Protein backbone atom coordinates (compact mmCIF):
# COMPACT_ATOMS: atom_id res chain seq x y z
CA MET A 1 -119.36 62.88 -100.42
CA THR A 2 -119.45 59.80 -98.19
CA LYS A 3 -121.52 59.72 -95.02
CA ARG A 4 -120.68 57.38 -92.17
CA GLY A 5 -122.70 56.11 -89.24
CA ILE A 6 -122.54 53.29 -86.75
CA PHE A 7 -124.81 50.51 -87.92
CA ASP A 8 -124.27 47.76 -85.37
CA LEU A 9 -122.37 47.47 -82.09
CA ARG A 10 -120.94 44.06 -81.15
CA ALA A 11 -118.97 42.81 -78.16
CA ASN A 12 -115.62 43.05 -79.96
CA GLY A 13 -116.34 45.49 -82.75
CA ILE A 14 -118.68 47.59 -84.81
CA THR A 15 -120.13 47.58 -88.29
CA ILE A 16 -120.12 50.95 -89.99
CA ILE A 17 -122.45 51.76 -92.87
CA HIS A 18 -121.13 54.03 -95.61
CA ALA A 19 -123.50 55.83 -97.96
CA ASP A 20 -122.16 57.70 -100.97
CA ALA A 21 -124.12 60.70 -102.25
CA GLU A 22 -122.86 59.99 -105.77
CA ARG A 23 -124.20 56.40 -105.63
CA PRO A 24 -127.22 56.48 -103.26
CA GLU A 25 -128.23 52.93 -104.18
CA ALA A 26 -124.92 51.50 -102.93
CA LEU A 27 -124.17 50.81 -99.29
CA ILE A 28 -120.80 49.62 -98.03
CA LEU A 29 -120.53 47.81 -94.71
CA GLU A 30 -117.19 48.11 -92.93
CA GLU A 31 -116.50 45.70 -90.07
CA VAL A 32 -114.01 46.84 -87.44
CA ASP A 33 -113.13 44.20 -84.86
CA ASN A 34 -110.85 44.10 -81.84
CA VAL A 35 -108.95 40.85 -82.37
CA GLU A 36 -106.56 41.30 -79.43
CA PRO A 37 -108.48 38.89 -77.12
CA ILE A 38 -108.64 36.33 -79.95
CA LEU A 39 -104.91 36.60 -80.61
CA LYS A 40 -104.14 36.17 -76.90
CA GLU A 41 -106.29 33.03 -76.76
CA ALA A 42 -104.65 31.62 -79.91
CA LYS A 43 -101.22 32.18 -78.36
CA ARG A 44 -102.30 30.52 -75.10
CA LEU A 45 -103.70 27.51 -76.95
CA SER A 46 -100.56 27.24 -79.10
CA GLU A 47 -98.49 26.72 -75.96
CA LEU A 48 -100.47 23.59 -74.96
CA GLU A 49 -99.30 20.10 -75.95
CA PRO A 50 -101.34 18.99 -79.00
CA GLY A 51 -103.32 15.78 -78.77
CA LYS A 52 -102.35 12.72 -80.82
CA GLU A 53 -105.75 12.22 -82.44
CA PHE A 54 -107.16 15.73 -82.43
CA ARG A 55 -105.25 18.98 -82.86
CA HIS A 56 -106.79 22.37 -82.41
CA ALA A 57 -105.51 24.28 -85.44
CA ALA A 58 -106.84 27.84 -85.19
CA VAL A 59 -109.09 30.30 -83.43
CA ILE A 60 -111.50 31.70 -86.00
CA PRO A 61 -112.70 35.27 -85.42
CA GLU A 62 -116.41 35.97 -85.75
CA PHE A 63 -115.85 38.36 -88.67
CA VAL A 64 -114.20 35.53 -90.65
CA VAL A 65 -117.21 33.28 -90.02
CA ARG A 66 -119.54 36.06 -91.21
CA LYS A 67 -117.35 36.56 -94.29
CA ALA A 68 -117.46 32.84 -95.06
CA PHE A 69 -121.27 32.89 -94.89
CA ARG A 70 -121.51 35.99 -97.09
CA GLU A 71 -119.09 34.67 -99.69
CA GLY A 72 -120.54 31.14 -99.69
CA TRP A 73 -117.52 29.13 -98.47
CA PHE A 74 -118.67 28.35 -94.92
CA ASN A 75 -119.24 24.65 -95.75
CA ASP A 76 -116.14 24.32 -97.95
CA SER A 77 -113.42 22.46 -96.02
CA LYS A 78 -110.79 23.27 -98.67
CA ALA A 79 -111.51 27.01 -98.33
CA TRP A 80 -111.12 26.74 -94.54
CA LYS A 81 -107.80 24.93 -94.99
CA ASP A 82 -106.69 27.65 -97.40
CA TRP A 83 -107.69 30.30 -94.86
CA ALA A 84 -105.83 28.53 -92.03
CA ASN A 85 -102.69 27.90 -94.12
CA ASP A 86 -102.54 31.50 -95.39
CA PRO A 87 -99.53 33.24 -93.80
CA ASP A 88 -101.69 36.35 -93.27
CA ASN A 89 -103.73 34.35 -90.74
CA ALA A 90 -100.78 32.81 -88.89
CA LEU A 91 -101.49 34.73 -85.68
CA PHE A 92 -104.84 32.94 -85.39
CA ARG A 93 -103.17 29.53 -85.62
CA THR A 94 -102.78 27.38 -82.52
CA TRP A 95 -100.85 24.63 -84.30
CA SER A 96 -98.22 25.37 -86.91
CA GLY A 97 -98.57 22.23 -89.05
CA GLU A 98 -99.98 22.21 -92.57
CA LEU A 99 -103.68 21.35 -92.79
């Protein structure tokens, strides 16, 4: 039987801790974020004329930054390009070109 409880409240979401009675040594953290404000900002930025030398490519949600730290790819520019070019993350993009 799984027990749930709020572990951490954040401005745009919560982290929920799951404890399983069958595996008491294992904890699972579930992050639930409200990305609506982030998506609105990405859409607003996508409507601006991009600069010639610098183009804003994406708005990166906080939970993605935390994931990058946890998984060890925060300093990996190729991994960030892969994340930005992934069609699943298209709504966070502010510029549609390939990185």
